[in-house]
């Protein structure tokens, strides 16, 4: 069977300049997307592509819809939402051990599409939906033709896009991971994610308010971001949607894997491979996993902890 020319190519960057949206493309070849984060896959494949040609592959954004028509692809089996530092990377890494699973972990393009209104507030709603669904289809294309399941791990702030994503994917399982806020703040104090640095992600999106109130206190800012995450998760849980599942990191990583598999219907294809992956650090795949020390009192913020406890009580 003749394969379409676009096979193994994926979109990886959305740009807006001179009132025009464009997409950068990347040839994956036969490279598997199994790094802890999707931007690591992009870096490797961009380097390989640059060795072959100095030319960049760029199209209009609307070409996304045409490109995905001829490709055989999977629909998402599950979306993973999270508050950060709560096991989501380990979960996505564990399930990426099977070549039957396509796993996309925090793809920058999906975030750029979701937040495209920040650059063009009057962008038609249907445009954003079409771009997102086409990008998801292209990333989920069959490449070894043994793939059966497709997991998309989102960025933590995409919790605030819940209503939009649920409207787009009404029949797809959504899995929400969360963790005690003091442990999350302590982790960010060692190595900060974008949402833990004031101003890196829109304060309006994060519901952080006036940044001057934090007076450069990054940990207090992170606690506020988490507080809003927990409130959002409470509101989502209160909807009692049958395809929304929740798991607290405190209940154990092994149980997380089984609970996610049971809820999503994505089988654990090779339990030995998956369990071997759990022995290593989620982000640094060569480092043996070591349990973190308990967070000290300096990372405790009463409001965010109360919101976490309310969420946990509501779910339990």
Protein backbone atom coordinates (compact mmCIF):
# COMPACT_ATOMS: atom_id res chain seq x y z
CA UNK A 1 0.00 0.00 0.00
CA UNK A 2 1.39 3.39 -0.98
CA UNK A 3 1.93 5.66 2.00
CA UNK A 4 1.07 9.39 1.90
CA UNK A 5 4.11 11.71 1.63
CA UNK A 6 3.25 13.31 4.97
CA UNK A 7 3.64 10.00 6.84
CA UNK A 8 6.00 10.26 9.85
CA UNK A 9 5.85 14.06 9.67
CA UNK A 10 4.25 15.91 12.57
CA UNK A 11 3.49 19.56 13.30
CA UNK A 12 5.42 20.88 16.29
CA UNK A 13 5.16 24.68 16.47
CA UNK A 14 2.44 27.28 15.87
CA UNK A 15 3.53 30.86 15.16
CA UNK A 16 1.65 34.11 14.59
CA UNK A 17 3.24 37.00 12.71
CA UNK A 18 1.89 39.70 10.43
CA UNK A 19 -1.65 38.46 11.11
CA UNK A 20 -0.86 35.02 9.74
CA UNK A 21 -0.65 31.66 11.52
CA UNK A 22 2.00 29.19 10.40
CA UNK A 23 3.05 25.67 11.40
CA UNK A 24 6.55 24.20 11.58
CA UNK A 25 6.87 20.53 10.63
CA UNK A 26 9.23 17.79 11.72
CA UNK A 27 10.17 14.50 10.10
CA UNK A 28 10.26 11.84 12.81
CA UNK A 29 11.41 9.12 10.47
CA UNK A 30 11.17 5.97 12.57
CA UNK A 31 12.04 7.71 15.84
CA UNK A 32 9.65 6.83 18.69
CA UNK A 33 8.14 9.61 20.76
CA UNK A 34 9.06 8.16 24.16
CA UNK A 35 11.01 10.93 25.90
CA UNK A 36 9.65 12.23 29.23
CA UNK A 37 8.64 15.47 27.46
CA UNK A 38 7.67 16.06 23.87
CA UNK A 39 10.07 18.98 23.43
CA UNK A 40 12.94 16.50 23.97
CA UNK A 41 11.71 14.51 20.98
CA UNK A 42 11.51 17.74 19.00
CA UNK A 43 15.11 18.66 19.87
CA UNK A 44 16.48 15.27 18.78
CA UNK A 45 14.52 15.16 15.52
CA UNK A 46 15.27 18.78 14.63
CA UNK A 47 18.97 18.02 14.95
CA UNK A 48 18.64 14.95 12.74
CA UNK A 49 16.61 16.92 10.21
CA UNK A 50 19.15 19.77 10.14
CA UNK A 51 21.88 17.28 9.30
CA UNK A 52 19.99 16.41 6.10
CA UNK A 53 18.88 19.90 5.08
CA UNK A 54 19.11 23.51 6.21
CA UNK A 55 15.62 24.20 4.88
CA UNK A 56 12.71 24.57 7.28
CA UNK A 57 9.34 22.93 6.61
CA UNK A 58 6.60 25.51 7.20
CA UNK A 59 2.95 25.66 6.14
CA UNK A 60 -0.15 27.66 6.86
CA UNK A 61 -1.98 26.52 9.97
CA UNK A 62 -5.00 25.47 7.94
CA UNK A 63 -2.86 22.89 6.12
CA UNK A 64 -3.17 20.81 9.30
CA UNK A 65 -6.69 19.77 8.30
CA UNK A 66 -5.64 18.73 4.80
CA UNK A 67 -2.56 16.87 6.02
CA UNK A 68 -4.39 14.57 8.42
CA UNK A 69 -7.04 13.43 5.93
CA UNK A 70 -4.90 10.81 4.20
CA UNK A 71 -3.25 9.42 7.34
CA UNK A 72 -4.30 6.40 9.33
CA UNK A 73 -4.40 7.46 12.96
CA UNK A 74 -5.79 6.71 16.39
CA UNK A 75 -8.24 8.83 18.32
CA UNK A 76 -7.16 9.69 21.87
CA UNK A 77 -7.80 6.90 24.36
CA UNK A 78 -7.32 9.23 27.35
CA UNK A 79 -6.21 12.73 28.31
CA UNK A 80 -4.13 13.09 31.46
CA UNK A 81 -4.52 16.31 33.48
CA UNK A 82 -2.37 17.06 36.53
CA UNK A 83 -1.31 19.71 39.04
CA UNK A 84 2.40 19.02 38.27
CA UNK A 85 4.93 16.93 40.22
CA UNK A 86 2.24 14.35 40.99
CA UNK A 87 3.26 11.31 38.96
CA UNK A 88 1.94 12.29 35.55
CA UNK A 89 5.35 12.05 33.85
CA UNK A 90 6.01 8.66 35.42
CA UNK A 91 2.60 7.45 34.28
CA UNK A 92 3.18 8.61 30.70
CA UNK A 93 6.69 7.12 30.73
CA UNK A 94 5.47 3.79 32.10
CA UNK A 95 2.83 3.44 29.40
CA UNK A 96 5.27 4.53 26.67
CA UNK A 97 7.32 1.37 27.30
CA UNK A 98 4.92 -0.51 25.02
CA UNK A 99 5.23 0.15 21.25
CA UNK A 100 1.47 -0.42 21.11
CA UNK A 101 0.94 2.88 22.93
CA UNK A 102 1.35 6.32 21.42
CA UNK A 103 2.12 8.75 24.25
CA UNK A 104 2.35 12.51 23.75
CA UNK A 105 3.65 14.31 26.84
CA UNK A 106 3.08 18.08 27.06
CA UNK A 107 3.40 18.87 23.36
CA UNK A 108 4.10 22.62 23.01
CA UNK A 109 1.94 22.80 19.87
CA UNK A 110 -1.20 21.75 21.72
CA UNK A 111 -0.57 24.46 24.30
CA UNK A 112 0.05 27.04 21.57
CA UNK A 113 -3.27 26.15 19.95
CA UNK A 114 -5.20 26.25 23.22
CA UNK A 115 -3.69 29.62 24.12
CA UNK A 116 -3.89 31.09 20.60
CA UNK A 117 -6.50 33.62 21.75
CA UNK A 118 -3.73 35.36 23.68
CA UNK A 119 -2.28 36.38 20.30
CA UNK A 120 -5.51 36.72 18.30
CA UNK A 121 -8.52 37.29 20.57
CA UNK A 122 -10.96 37.23 17.64
CA UNK A 123 -9.83 33.84 16.32
CA UNK A 124 -13.01 31.93 15.37
CA UNK A 125 -13.78 29.11 17.86
CA UNK A 126 -14.11 26.54 15.10
CA UNK A 127 -10.62 27.38 13.85
CA UNK A 128 -9.00 26.54 17.16
CA UNK A 129 -10.98 23.32 17.49
CA UNK A 130 -10.07 22.23 13.95
CA UNK A 131 -6.37 22.94 14.48
CA UNK A 132 -6.30 21.09 17.79
CA UNK A 133 -8.10 18.00 16.50
CA UNK A 134 -5.97 17.89 13.34
CA UNK A 135 -2.75 18.21 15.37
CA UNK A 136 -3.91 15.42 17.69
CA UNK A 137 -4.66 13.21 14.68
CA UNK A 138 -1.27 13.85 13.10
CA UNK A 139 0.57 13.10 16.35
CA UNK A 140 -1.50 9.95 16.72
CA UNK A 141 -0.77 8.57 13.26
CA UNK A 142 -0.07 4.86 12.87
CA UNK A 143 3.66 4.41 12.44
CA UNK A 144 4.33 0.75 13.20
CA UNK A 145 0.68 -0.29 12.65
CA UNK A 146 0.61 -2.21 15.92
CA UNK A 147 -0.54 0.82 17.93
CA UNK A 148 -3.81 0.34 19.77
CA UNK A 149 -3.93 3.14 22.37
CA UNK A 150 -3.16 6.85 22.42
CA UNK A 151 -2.47 8.85 25.60
CA UNK A 152 -2.13 12.63 25.67
CA UNK A 153 -0.62 14.19 28.78
CA UNK A 154 -1.43 17.89 28.92
CA UNK A 155 0.29 20.79 30.68
CA UNK A 156 -0.86 21.46 34.24
CA UNK A 157 -2.58 24.76 33.38
CA UNK A 158 -4.78 22.97 30.85
CA UNK A 159 -7.01 22.11 33.80
CA UNK A 160 -8.43 25.58 33.15
CA UNK A 161 -9.38 24.51 29.60
CA UNK A 162 -11.51 21.64 30.89
CA UNK A 163 -14.85 22.87 29.53
CA UNK A 164 -13.41 23.47 26.07
CA UNK A 165 -11.64 20.11 25.89
CA UNK A 166 -14.64 18.21 27.25
CA UNK A 167 -16.84 19.82 24.58
CA UNK A 168 -14.35 18.73 21.92
CA UNK A 169 -13.92 15.20 23.32
CA UNK A 170 -17.21 14.28 25.04
CA UNK A 171 -16.57 10.53 24.88
CA UNK A 172 -12.89 10.37 25.89
CA UNK A 173 -11.71 9.48 29.42
CA UNK A 174 -10.10 12.38 31.29
CA UNK A 175 -7.80 11.41 34.17
CA UNK A 176 -6.86 13.97 36.83
CA UNK A 177 -3.79 13.53 39.04
CA UNK A 178 -3.14 15.63 42.12
CA UNK A 179 -0.86 15.78 45.17
CA UNK A 180 -0.35 17.57 48.49
CA UNK A 181 0.58 21.20 47.74
CA UNK A 182 3.56 21.42 50.10
CA UNK A 183 5.19 18.50 48.28
CA UNK A 184 4.52 20.11 44.90
CA UNK A 185 5.87 23.50 46.06
CA UNK A 186 9.00 21.81 47.47
CA UNK A 187 9.61 20.08 44.13
CA UNK A 188 9.26 23.34 42.20
CA UNK A 189 11.65 25.03 44.64
CA UNK A 190 14.34 22.64 43.36
CA UNK A 191 13.54 22.97 39.66
CA UNK A 192 10.74 25.27 38.57
CA UNK A 193 8.15 24.58 35.93
CA UNK A 194 6.81 27.48 33.87
CA UNK A 195 3.65 27.77 35.96
CA UNK A 196 5.80 28.25 39.09
CA UNK A 197 7.54 31.36 37.72
CA UNK A 198 5.42 34.53 37.88
CA UNK A 199 4.57 35.86 34.44
CA UNK A 200 5.76 32.88 32.38
CA UNK A 201 2.16 31.70 31.93
CA UNK A 202 -0.68 34.22 31.71
CA UNK A 203 -1.73 35.25 35.26
CA UNK A 204 -5.28 35.56 33.92
CA UNK A 205 -5.27 31.93 32.82
CA UNK A 206 -3.79 30.78 36.13
CA UNK A 207 -6.15 33.08 38.10
CA UNK A 208 -3.12 34.34 40.00
CA UNK A 209 -4.25 37.96 40.26
CA UNK A 210 -1.87 40.91 40.51
CA UNK A 211 1.69 39.55 40.50
CA UNK A 212 2.96 42.40 42.68
CA UNK A 213 1.19 40.83 45.67
CA UNK A 214 3.78 38.04 45.71
CA UNK A 215 6.74 40.44 45.98
CA UNK A 216 9.09 37.97 44.32
CA UNK A 217 8.06 35.07 46.57
CA UNK A 218 7.99 32.26 44.00
CA UNK A 219 6.81 29.62 46.46
CA UNK A 220 3.83 31.65 47.59
CA UNK A 221 2.99 32.25 43.94
CA UNK A 222 3.18 28.51 43.24
CA UNK A 223 0.89 27.83 46.20
CA UNK A 224 -1.65 30.27 44.75
CA UNK A 225 -1.51 28.55 41.35
CA UNK A 226 -2.08 25.20 43.09
CA UNK A 227 -4.94 26.64 45.13
CA UNK A 228 -6.73 27.57 41.90
CA UNK A 229 -5.98 24.12 40.44
CA UNK A 230 -7.61 22.42 43.42
CA UNK A 231 -10.67 24.68 43.22
CA UNK A 232 -11.00 23.84 39.54
CA UNK A 233 -10.67 20.12 40.25
CA UNK A 234 -13.38 20.41 42.91
CA UNK A 235 -15.69 22.02 40.35
CA UNK A 236 -14.88 19.36 37.75
CA UNK A 237 -15.45 16.52 40.21
CA UNK A 238 -18.79 18.04 41.22
CA UNK A 239 -20.00 17.52 37.65
CA UNK A 240 -19.94 13.73 38.25
CA UNK A 241 -19.05 13.08 34.64
CA UNK A 242 -18.67 9.31 34.21
CA UNK A 243 -15.54 9.74 32.07
CA UNK A 244 -13.67 11.87 34.62
CA UNK A 245 -11.33 9.93 36.92
CA UNK A 246 -9.20 11.21 39.81
CA UNK A 247 -6.13 9.91 41.65
CA UNK A 248 -4.02 11.27 44.51
CA UNK A 249 -0.26 10.62 44.31
CA UNK A 250 -0.40 9.83 48.04
CA UNK A 251 -2.22 6.59 47.25
CA UNK A 252 0.84 5.07 45.60
CA UNK A 253 2.44 4.88 42.17
CA UNK A 254 1.70 1.19 41.59
CA UNK A 255 -1.95 1.76 42.41
CA UNK A 256 -1.94 4.78 40.09
CA UNK A 257 -0.91 2.63 37.13
CA UNK A 258 -3.61 0.05 37.77
CA UNK A 259 -6.28 2.65 38.48
CA UNK A 260 -5.47 4.52 35.27
CA UNK A 261 -5.50 1.30 33.25
CA UNK A 262 -8.83 0.20 34.74
CA UNK A 263 -10.44 3.60 34.27
CA UNK A 264 -9.20 4.31 30.75
CA UNK A 265 -9.46 0.78 29.40
CA UNK A 266 -5.80 0.95 28.30
CA UNK A 267 -4.34 -2.43 29.16
CA UNK A 268 -0.91 -2.83 30.75
CA UNK A 269 0.63 -4.78 27.86
CA UNK A 270 3.87 -5.78 29.57
CA UNK A 271 3.74 -5.53 33.35
CA UNK A 272 7.43 -6.37 33.75
CA UNK A 273 8.53 -3.58 31.41
CA UNK A 274 6.19 -1.11 33.08
CA UNK A 275 7.36 -2.03 36.58
CA UNK A 276 11.01 -1.78 35.53
CA UNK A 277 10.37 1.78 34.35
CA UNK A 278 8.90 2.67 37.74
CA UNK A 279 12.28 1.94 39.34
CA UNK A 280 13.80 5.01 37.68
CA UNK A 281 13.27 8.75 37.92
CA UNK A 282 10.38 9.96 35.77
CA UNK A 283 12.33 12.78 34.11
CA UNK A 284 15.91 11.47 34.31
CA UNK A 285 15.57 8.01 32.90
CA UNK A 286 19.05 6.84 33.91
CA UNK A 287 18.67 7.75 37.59
CA UNK A 288 17.32 5.20 40.04
CA UNK A 289 14.20 6.53 41.76
CA UNK A 290 14.64 7.76 45.33
CA UNK A 291 11.69 8.77 47.47
CA UNK A 292 11.64 12.47 48.28
CA UNK A 293 12.11 13.63 51.85
CA UNK A 294 9.07 15.08 53.57
CA UNK A 295 8.50 18.72 52.72
CA UNK A 296 9.39 21.01 55.60
CA UNK A 297 7.02 23.55 57.13
CA UNK A 298 8.31 26.43 54.99
CA UNK A 299 6.43 24.96 52.00
CA UNK A 300 3.10 24.82 53.82
CA UNK A 301 0.48 27.37 52.75
CA UNK A 302 -2.82 27.11 54.59
CA UNK A 303 -5.17 28.13 51.75
CA UNK A 304 -3.77 25.71 49.19
CA UNK A 305 -3.58 22.88 51.74
CA UNK A 306 -7.21 23.45 52.78
CA UNK A 307 -8.29 23.38 49.12
CA UNK A 308 -6.37 20.12 48.64
CA UNK A 309 -7.97 18.55 51.71
CA UNK A 310 -11.43 19.66 50.53
CA UNK A 311 -10.75 18.08 47.14
CA UNK A 312 -9.53 14.84 48.70
CA UNK A 313 -12.56 14.64 51.01
CA UNK A 314 -14.92 15.37 48.11
CA UNK A 315 -13.41 12.60 45.97
CA UNK A 316 -13.06 10.00 48.73
